[in-house]
């Protein structure tokens, strides 16, 4: 498996771990809207109501590939930004989402993932808070979550 394919293991973990959490999806109204790298776009008010809030995860920075005794990769620790995003200028709605993301991901260690991958460890590193951004059409969005270092590899 090539180093860049390790992001597939993390993507599967995010969908399993975050997508399967009833607090995140029901109580905090994410409703399964968990996206890999691409922030969803919505133009109409109805589309925005069906799109936000949501969770997005993306590689923030790649770490050094840790190789075994040959060319095979043992694991690759990368930093991922994992955050809630919603329309508006107030971070209040995202505070509980960011806290839940930290609860679900920090310490999620030694876990086999359904796609055959393995999460060696997942650690919260720091806050991810992006200042208010405005779209070309004048819509405002805020983002809040964390940067997590995740070491993924093939299942043992």
N, C-alpha and C. Protein backbone atom coordinates (compact mmCIF):
# COMPACT_ATOMS: atom_id res chain seq x y z
N UNK A 1 0.85 -1.18 0.00
CA UNK A 1 0.00 0.00 0.00
C UNK A 1 0.89 1.24 0.00
N UNK A 2 0.60 2.18 -0.85
CA UNK A 2 1.37 3.42 -0.92
C UNK A 2 0.97 4.35 0.21
N UNK A 3 1.88 5.24 0.56
CA UNK A 3 1.64 6.16 1.68
C UNK A 3 0.37 6.96 1.50
N UNK A 4 0.10 7.45 0.29
CA UNK A 4 -1.08 8.27 0.08
C UNK A 4 -2.38 7.49 0.27
N UNK A 5 -2.33 6.17 0.17
CA UNK A 5 -3.52 5.36 0.37
C UNK A 5 -3.90 5.21 1.84
N UNK A 6 -3.02 5.60 2.72
CA UNK A 6 -3.35 5.51 4.14
C UNK A 6 -4.48 6.45 4.52
N UNK A 7 -4.68 7.48 3.72
CA UNK A 7 -5.80 8.38 3.99
C UNK A 7 -7.14 7.65 3.84
N UNK A 8 -7.18 6.58 3.04
CA UNK A 8 -8.40 5.78 2.92
C UNK A 8 -8.74 5.08 4.22
N UNK A 9 -7.72 4.65 4.95
CA UNK A 9 -7.94 4.02 6.25
C UNK A 9 -8.54 5.04 7.22
N UNK A 10 -7.99 6.24 7.22
CA UNK A 10 -8.51 7.28 8.10
C UNK A 10 -9.93 7.68 7.69
N UNK A 11 -10.19 7.79 6.40
CA UNK A 11 -11.53 8.13 5.93
C UNK A 11 -12.56 7.09 6.39
N UNK A 12 -12.19 5.82 6.29
CA UNK A 12 -13.09 4.76 6.74
C UNK A 12 -13.32 4.86 8.25
N UNK A 13 -12.25 5.16 9.00
CA UNK A 13 -12.38 5.31 10.45
C UNK A 13 -13.32 6.47 10.79
N UNK A 14 -13.17 7.59 10.10
CA UNK A 14 -14.03 8.75 10.37
C UNK A 14 -15.49 8.43 10.11
N UNK A 15 -15.75 7.77 9.00
CA UNK A 15 -17.14 7.42 8.68
C UNK A 15 -17.71 6.45 9.70
N UNK A 16 -16.93 5.45 10.10
CA UNK A 16 -17.38 4.48 11.11
C UNK A 16 -17.60 5.14 12.46
N UNK A 17 -16.58 5.83 12.92
CA UNK A 17 -16.58 6.37 14.28
C UNK A 17 -17.56 7.54 14.43
N UNK A 18 -17.48 8.49 13.52
CA UNK A 18 -18.35 9.67 13.63
C UNK A 18 -19.75 9.38 13.11
N UNK A 19 -19.82 8.65 12.00
CA UNK A 19 -21.13 8.34 11.42
C UNK A 19 -21.98 7.45 12.30
N UNK A 20 -21.34 6.67 13.16
CA UNK A 20 -22.07 5.75 14.03
C UNK A 20 -22.43 6.32 15.40
N UNK A 21 -22.14 7.58 15.63
CA UNK A 21 -22.39 8.16 16.95
C UNK A 21 -23.74 8.88 16.99
N UNK A 22 -24.64 8.40 17.83
CA UNK A 22 -25.99 8.98 17.89
C UNK A 22 -25.99 10.39 18.47
N UNK A 23 -25.10 10.68 19.40
CA UNK A 23 -25.06 12.04 19.98
C UNK A 23 -24.68 13.03 18.90
N UNK A 24 -23.64 12.74 18.15
CA UNK A 24 -23.19 13.65 17.09
C UNK A 24 -24.26 13.80 16.01
N UNK A 25 -24.85 12.70 15.61
CA UNK A 25 -25.75 12.71 14.47
C UNK A 25 -27.18 13.14 14.80
N UNK A 26 -27.65 12.83 15.98
CA UNK A 26 -29.03 13.16 16.34
C UNK A 26 -29.08 14.39 17.24
N UNK A 27 -28.48 14.30 18.40
CA UNK A 27 -28.54 15.40 19.36
C UNK A 27 -27.90 16.67 18.81
N UNK A 28 -26.74 16.53 18.17
CA UNK A 28 -26.03 17.69 17.65
C UNK A 28 -26.34 17.98 16.18
N UNK A 29 -27.27 17.22 15.62
CA UNK A 29 -27.87 17.49 14.30
C UNK A 29 -26.93 17.42 13.11
N UNK A 30 -25.90 16.56 13.20
CA UNK A 30 -25.03 16.36 12.05
C UNK A 30 -25.72 15.47 11.01
N UNK A 31 -26.49 14.51 11.48
CA UNK A 31 -27.30 13.70 10.56
C UNK A 31 -26.51 12.95 9.50
N UNK A 32 -25.30 12.48 9.85
CA UNK A 32 -24.51 11.71 8.90
C UNK A 32 -23.77 12.55 7.87
N UNK A 33 -23.83 13.85 7.98
CA UNK A 33 -23.15 14.74 7.02
C UNK A 33 -21.69 14.88 7.43
N UNK A 34 -20.89 13.90 7.04
CA UNK A 34 -19.47 13.84 7.37
C UNK A 34 -18.72 13.73 6.05
N UNK A 35 -17.87 14.70 5.77
CA UNK A 35 -17.25 14.81 4.45
C UNK A 35 -15.73 14.75 4.52
N UNK A 36 -15.16 14.06 3.54
CA UNK A 36 -13.72 13.91 3.40
C UNK A 36 -13.19 15.02 2.50
N UNK A 37 -12.51 15.98 3.08
CA UNK A 37 -11.77 17.04 2.40
C UNK A 37 -12.62 18.15 1.79
N UNK A 38 -13.69 17.81 1.09
CA UNK A 38 -14.47 18.81 0.36
C UNK A 38 -15.61 19.35 1.22
N UNK A 39 -15.63 20.66 1.37
CA UNK A 39 -16.72 21.31 2.11
C UNK A 39 -17.91 21.43 1.18
N UNK A 40 -19.07 20.91 1.59
CA UNK A 40 -20.23 20.96 0.70
C UNK A 40 -20.71 22.39 0.45
N UNK A 41 -21.21 22.61 -0.75
CA UNK A 41 -21.73 23.92 -1.12
C UNK A 41 -23.25 23.83 -1.23
N UNK A 42 -23.91 24.86 -0.81
CA UNK A 42 -25.37 24.92 -0.89
C UNK A 42 -25.76 26.35 -1.22
N UNK A 43 -26.64 26.51 -2.20
CA UNK A 43 -27.00 27.85 -2.65
C UNK A 43 -28.29 28.37 -2.04
N UNK A 44 -29.32 27.57 -2.09
CA UNK A 44 -30.61 28.05 -1.60
C UNK A 44 -30.71 27.86 -0.09
N UNK A 45 -31.66 28.54 0.50
CA UNK A 45 -31.87 28.41 1.94
C UNK A 45 -32.22 26.98 2.31
N UNK A 46 -33.05 26.32 1.50
CA UNK A 46 -33.43 24.93 1.77
C UNK A 46 -32.22 24.00 1.68
N UNK A 47 -31.36 24.22 0.68
CA UNK A 47 -30.15 23.41 0.56
C UNK A 47 -29.22 23.62 1.74
N UNK A 48 -29.09 24.86 2.19
CA UNK A 48 -28.23 25.15 3.35
C UNK A 48 -28.77 24.51 4.61
N UNK A 49 -30.07 24.53 4.79
CA UNK A 49 -30.68 23.91 5.97
C UNK A 49 -30.46 22.40 5.97
N UNK A 50 -30.37 21.80 4.77
CA UNK A 50 -30.15 20.36 4.66
C UNK A 50 -28.66 19.99 4.68
N UNK A 51 -27.78 20.99 4.62
CA UNK A 51 -26.35 20.74 4.52
C UNK A 51 -25.59 21.04 5.81
N UNK A 52 -26.00 22.08 6.53
CA UNK A 52 -25.28 22.54 7.72
C UNK A 52 -26.12 22.39 8.97
N UNK A 53 -25.51 22.09 10.10
CA UNK A 53 -24.08 21.89 10.32
C UNK A 53 -23.63 20.56 9.74
N UNK A 54 -22.34 20.46 9.50
CA UNK A 54 -21.74 19.21 9.04
C UNK A 54 -20.33 19.10 9.63
N UNK A 55 -19.71 17.96 9.42
CA UNK A 55 -18.33 17.73 9.87
C UNK A 55 -17.48 17.47 8.63
N UNK A 56 -16.31 18.08 8.59
CA UNK A 56 -15.35 17.88 7.51
C UNK A 56 -14.02 17.45 8.13
N UNK A 57 -13.34 16.52 7.47
CA UNK A 57 -11.99 16.16 7.90
C UNK A 57 -11.08 16.20 6.68
N UNK A 58 -9.85 16.62 6.91
CA UNK A 58 -8.89 16.73 5.82
C UNK A 58 -7.48 16.68 6.38
N UNK A 59 -6.55 16.17 5.58
CA UNK A 59 -5.15 16.16 6.01
C UNK A 59 -4.68 17.60 6.16
N UNK A 60 -4.16 17.92 7.32
CA UNK A 60 -3.61 19.24 7.59
C UNK A 60 -2.13 19.26 7.24
N UNK A 61 -1.42 18.20 7.61
CA UNK A 61 -0.02 18.04 7.23
C UNK A 61 0.36 16.57 7.33
N UNK A 62 1.16 16.13 6.38
CA UNK A 62 1.58 14.74 6.35
C UNK A 62 2.81 14.55 7.22
N UNK A 63 2.84 13.44 7.91
CA UNK A 63 3.99 13.12 8.74
C UNK A 63 4.98 12.24 8.00
N UNK A 64 6.03 11.88 8.69
CA UNK A 64 7.04 11.00 8.10
C UNK A 64 6.50 9.58 8.03
N UNK A 65 6.73 8.93 6.93
CA UNK A 65 6.34 7.54 6.77
C UNK A 65 7.30 6.69 7.59
N UNK A 66 6.76 5.83 8.42
CA UNK A 66 7.58 4.96 9.24
C UNK A 66 7.62 3.59 8.59
N UNK A 67 8.76 3.21 8.07
CA UNK A 67 8.90 1.97 7.33
C UNK A 67 9.45 0.87 8.21
N UNK A 68 9.14 -0.34 7.82
CA UNK A 68 9.63 -1.51 8.53
C UNK A 68 11.02 -1.89 8.04
N UNK A 69 11.33 -3.16 8.11
CA UNK A 69 12.66 -3.62 7.74
C UNK A 69 12.88 -3.68 6.23
N UNK A 70 11.82 -3.46 5.48
CA UNK A 70 11.96 -3.43 4.02
C UNK A 70 11.28 -2.16 3.51
N UNK A 71 10.76 -2.22 2.31
CA UNK A 71 10.08 -1.06 1.74
C UNK A 71 8.66 -0.91 2.25
N UNK A 72 8.16 -1.90 2.96
CA UNK A 72 6.76 -1.84 3.41
C UNK A 72 6.59 -0.79 4.51
N UNK A 73 5.46 -0.10 4.43
CA UNK A 73 5.16 0.95 5.40
C UNK A 73 4.52 0.32 6.63
N UNK A 74 5.03 0.66 7.79
CA UNK A 74 4.45 0.18 9.04
C UNK A 74 3.24 1.03 9.40
N UNK A 75 3.42 2.33 9.42
CA UNK A 75 2.30 3.25 9.57
C UNK A 75 2.74 4.63 9.16
N UNK A 76 1.74 5.50 9.01
CA UNK A 76 2.03 6.87 8.64
C UNK A 76 1.22 7.79 9.53
N UNK A 77 1.87 8.57 10.40
CA UNK A 77 1.13 9.52 11.23
C UNK A 77 0.95 10.85 10.49
N UNK A 78 -0.29 11.25 10.33
CA UNK A 78 -0.62 12.53 9.69
C UNK A 78 -1.47 13.36 10.62
N UNK A 79 -1.39 14.67 10.44
CA UNK A 79 -2.27 15.57 11.18
C UNK A 79 -3.51 15.82 10.34
N UNK A 80 -4.67 15.65 10.97
CA UNK A 80 -5.95 15.88 10.31
C UNK A 80 -6.69 17.01 11.02
N UNK A 81 -7.24 17.91 10.22
CA UNK A 81 -8.18 18.89 10.75
C UNK A 81 -9.55 18.23 10.70
N UNK A 82 -10.22 18.18 11.84
CA UNK A 82 -11.56 17.60 11.92
C UNK A 82 -12.43 18.67 12.60
N UNK A 83 -13.42 19.16 11.87
CA UNK A 83 -14.15 20.32 12.38
C UNK A 83 -15.61 20.32 11.95
N UNK A 84 -16.39 20.99 12.77
CA UNK A 84 -17.77 21.29 12.39
C UNK A 84 -17.77 22.60 11.64
N UNK A 85 -18.70 22.73 10.73
CA UNK A 85 -18.87 23.98 9.99
C UNK A 85 -20.36 24.28 9.92
N UNK A 86 -20.69 25.55 10.09
CA UNK A 86 -22.08 25.95 9.99
C UNK A 86 -22.19 27.35 9.44
N UNK A 87 -23.35 27.65 8.95
CA UNK A 87 -23.60 28.98 8.42
C UNK A 87 -23.83 29.93 9.60
N UNK A 88 -23.36 31.15 9.46
CA UNK A 88 -23.54 32.16 10.50
C UNK A 88 -22.20 32.69 10.96
N UNK A 89 -22.26 33.53 11.98
CA UNK A 89 -21.06 34.17 12.49
C UNK A 89 -20.77 33.78 13.94
N UNK A 90 -21.56 32.87 14.49
CA UNK A 90 -21.46 32.53 15.90
C UNK A 90 -20.89 31.11 16.07
N UNK A 91 -19.85 31.00 16.88
CA UNK A 91 -19.22 29.70 17.13
C UNK A 91 -20.00 28.86 18.16
N UNK A 92 -20.97 29.44 18.84
CA UNK A 92 -21.67 28.75 19.91
C UNK A 92 -22.25 27.41 19.47
N UNK A 93 -22.87 27.38 18.29
CA UNK A 93 -23.49 26.15 17.81
C UNK A 93 -22.47 25.04 17.58
N UNK A 94 -21.21 25.42 17.35
CA UNK A 94 -20.18 24.42 17.06
C UNK A 94 -19.42 23.94 18.29
N UNK A 95 -19.58 24.61 19.41
CA UNK A 95 -18.83 24.25 20.61
C UNK A 95 -19.08 22.81 21.04
N UNK A 96 -20.34 22.40 21.06
CA UNK A 96 -20.68 21.03 21.46
C UNK A 96 -20.21 20.02 20.42
N UNK A 97 -20.28 20.39 19.15
CA UNK A 97 -19.81 19.50 18.09
C UNK A 97 -18.30 19.28 18.23
N UNK A 98 -17.55 20.36 18.42
CA UNK A 98 -16.09 20.25 18.58
C UNK A 98 -15.74 19.41 19.80
N UNK A 99 -16.46 19.59 20.90
CA UNK A 99 -16.20 18.80 22.11
C UNK A 99 -16.49 17.31 21.86
N UNK A 100 -17.55 17.03 21.13
CA UNK A 100 -17.90 15.63 20.85
C UNK A 100 -16.86 14.99 19.91
N UNK A 101 -16.38 15.74 18.95
CA UNK A 101 -15.33 15.22 18.07
C UNK A 101 -14.10 14.83 18.88
N UNK A 102 -13.74 15.66 19.82
CA UNK A 102 -12.58 15.35 20.67
C UNK A 102 -12.84 14.10 21.51
N UNK A 103 -14.04 13.99 22.07
CA UNK A 103 -14.38 12.80 22.87
C UNK A 103 -14.31 11.53 22.04
N UNK A 104 -14.77 11.60 20.81
CA UNK A 104 -14.83 10.41 19.97
C UNK A 104 -13.47 10.00 19.40
N UNK A 105 -12.61 10.97 19.14
CA UNK A 105 -11.38 10.67 18.42
C UNK A 105 -10.14 10.55 19.30
N UNK A 106 -10.00 11.43 20.29
CA UNK A 106 -8.80 11.38 21.14
C UNK A 106 -8.75 10.06 21.90
N UNK A 107 -7.66 9.34 21.75
CA UNK A 107 -7.51 8.07 22.45
C UNK A 107 -8.16 6.89 21.74
N UNK A 108 -8.61 7.10 20.51
CA UNK A 108 -9.16 6.00 19.71
C UNK A 108 -7.97 5.22 19.15
N UNK A 109 -7.44 4.33 19.97
CA UNK A 109 -6.18 3.64 19.69
C UNK A 109 -6.39 2.15 19.48
N UNK A 110 -5.51 1.55 18.69
CA UNK A 110 -5.48 0.09 18.49
C UNK A 110 -6.84 -0.45 18.04
N UNK A 111 -7.35 0.16 16.96
CA UNK A 111 -8.67 -0.21 16.46
C UNK A 111 -8.59 -0.71 15.02
N UNK A 112 -9.21 -1.85 14.79
CA UNK A 112 -9.32 -2.38 13.42
C UNK A 112 -10.50 -1.70 12.75
N UNK A 113 -10.29 -1.28 11.52
CA UNK A 113 -11.30 -0.58 10.75
C UNK A 113 -11.88 -1.53 9.71
N UNK A 114 -13.14 -1.36 9.37
CA UNK A 114 -13.85 -2.30 8.49
C UNK A 114 -13.19 -2.50 7.13
N UNK A 115 -12.49 -1.50 6.60
CA UNK A 115 -11.88 -1.64 5.28
C UNK A 115 -10.56 -2.39 5.31
N UNK A 116 -10.20 -2.95 6.45
CA UNK A 116 -8.95 -3.70 6.57
C UNK A 116 -7.81 -2.88 7.13
N UNK A 117 -8.09 -1.64 7.47
CA UNK A 117 -7.07 -0.78 8.04
C UNK A 117 -7.01 -0.90 9.55
N UNK A 118 -6.07 -0.20 10.11
CA UNK A 118 -5.85 -0.24 11.55
C UNK A 118 -5.42 1.15 12.01
N UNK A 119 -6.04 1.64 13.05
CA UNK A 119 -5.64 2.92 13.64
C UNK A 119 -4.74 2.59 14.82
N UNK A 120 -3.46 2.91 14.69
CA UNK A 120 -2.52 2.65 15.76
C UNK A 120 -2.79 3.59 16.92
N UNK A 121 -2.95 4.89 16.62
CA UNK A 121 -3.34 5.85 17.64
C UNK A 121 -3.93 7.11 17.00
N UNK A 122 -4.71 7.79 17.82
CA UNK A 122 -5.34 9.05 17.41
C UNK A 122 -5.26 9.98 18.61
N UNK A 123 -4.60 11.13 18.43
CA UNK A 123 -4.38 12.05 19.55
C UNK A 123 -4.79 13.47 19.18
N UNK A 124 -5.52 14.09 20.08
CA UNK A 124 -5.85 15.51 19.92
C UNK A 124 -4.58 16.32 20.11
N UNK A 125 -4.31 17.25 19.18
CA UNK A 125 -3.09 18.06 19.29
C UNK A 125 -3.39 19.49 19.65
N UNK A 126 -4.39 20.08 18.99
CA UNK A 126 -4.68 21.49 19.26
C UNK A 126 -6.02 21.89 18.67
N UNK A 127 -6.46 23.03 19.08
CA UNK A 127 -7.71 23.61 18.61
C UNK A 127 -7.60 24.02 17.14
N UNK A 128 -8.68 23.82 16.42
CA UNK A 128 -8.80 24.32 15.05
C UNK A 128 -10.00 25.26 15.05
N UNK A 129 -9.75 26.54 14.91
CA UNK A 129 -10.81 27.54 14.89
C UNK A 129 -10.51 28.51 13.77
N UNK A 130 -11.35 28.47 12.75
CA UNK A 130 -11.14 29.32 11.60
C UNK A 130 -12.05 30.54 11.70
N UNK A 131 -11.45 31.69 11.55
CA UNK A 131 -12.20 32.94 11.62
C UNK A 131 -13.33 32.93 10.60
N UNK A 132 -14.26 33.76 10.82
CA UNK A 132 -15.41 33.91 9.95
C UNK A 132 -14.97 34.03 8.49
N UNK A 133 -15.55 33.19 7.64
CA UNK A 133 -15.29 33.29 6.20
C UNK A 133 -16.58 33.67 5.51
N UNK A 134 -16.45 34.36 4.42
CA UNK A 134 -17.63 34.81 3.69
C UNK A 134 -17.53 34.33 2.24
N UNK A 135 -18.62 33.78 1.74
CA UNK A 135 -18.64 33.29 0.36
C UNK A 135 -18.82 34.46 -0.60
N UNK A 136 -18.65 34.18 -1.88
CA UNK A 136 -18.83 35.22 -2.89
C UNK A 136 -20.24 35.79 -2.87
N UNK A 137 -21.20 34.97 -2.47
CA UNK A 137 -22.59 35.43 -2.42
C UNK A 137 -22.95 36.11 -1.10
N UNK A 138 -21.95 36.27 -0.21
CA UNK A 138 -22.18 36.98 1.03
C UNK A 138 -22.59 36.13 2.21
N UNK A 139 -22.60 34.79 2.05
CA UNK A 139 -22.94 33.91 3.17
C UNK A 139 -21.74 33.80 4.09
N UNK A 140 -22.00 33.71 5.38
CA UNK A 140 -20.93 33.61 6.37
C UNK A 140 -20.90 32.22 6.98
N UNK A 141 -19.67 31.75 7.25
CA UNK A 141 -19.48 30.42 7.82
C UNK A 141 -18.40 30.47 8.89
N UNK A 142 -18.55 29.62 9.90
CA UNK A 142 -17.52 29.45 10.93
C UNK A 142 -17.17 27.96 11.03
N UNK A 143 -15.94 27.69 11.49
CA UNK A 143 -15.44 26.32 11.63
C UNK A 143 -14.77 26.18 12.99
N UNK A 144 -15.04 25.05 13.65
CA UNK A 144 -14.46 24.80 14.96
C UNK A 144 -14.28 23.30 15.15
N UNK A 145 -13.11 22.91 15.62
CA UNK A 145 -12.84 21.50 15.86
C UNK A 145 -11.44 21.33 16.42
N UNK A 146 -10.70 20.38 15.88
CA UNK A 146 -9.36 20.12 16.38
C UNK A 146 -8.43 19.58 15.32
N UNK A 147 -7.15 19.61 15.64
CA UNK A 147 -6.14 18.95 14.83
C UNK A 147 -5.78 17.67 15.57
N UNK A 148 -5.89 16.56 14.88
CA UNK A 148 -5.63 15.25 15.47
C UNK A 148 -4.49 14.59 14.70
N UNK A 149 -3.52 14.02 15.43
CA UNK A 149 -2.47 13.23 14.80
C UNK A 149 -2.96 11.78 14.84
N UNK A 150 -3.03 11.20 13.63
CA UNK A 150 -3.57 9.84 13.49
C UNK A 150 -2.53 8.98 12.78
N UNK A 151 -2.17 7.87 13.39
CA UNK A 151 -1.26 6.92 12.79
C UNK A 151 -2.07 5.73 12.29
N UNK A 152 -2.09 5.57 10.96
CA UNK A 152 -2.88 4.50 10.35
C UNK A 152 -1.96 3.52 9.64
N UNK A 153 -2.43 2.29 9.50
CA UNK A 153 -1.67 1.28 8.77
C UNK A 153 -2.62 0.16 8.36
N UNK A 154 -2.09 -0.82 7.67
CA UNK A 154 -2.87 -2.00 7.36
C UNK A 154 -3.15 -2.78 8.63
N UNK A 155 -4.25 -3.51 8.63
CA UNK A 155 -4.58 -4.31 9.81
C UNK A 155 -3.48 -5.32 10.09
N UNK A 156 -3.22 -5.57 11.38
CA UNK A 156 -2.16 -6.53 11.74
C UNK A 156 -2.51 -7.95 11.34
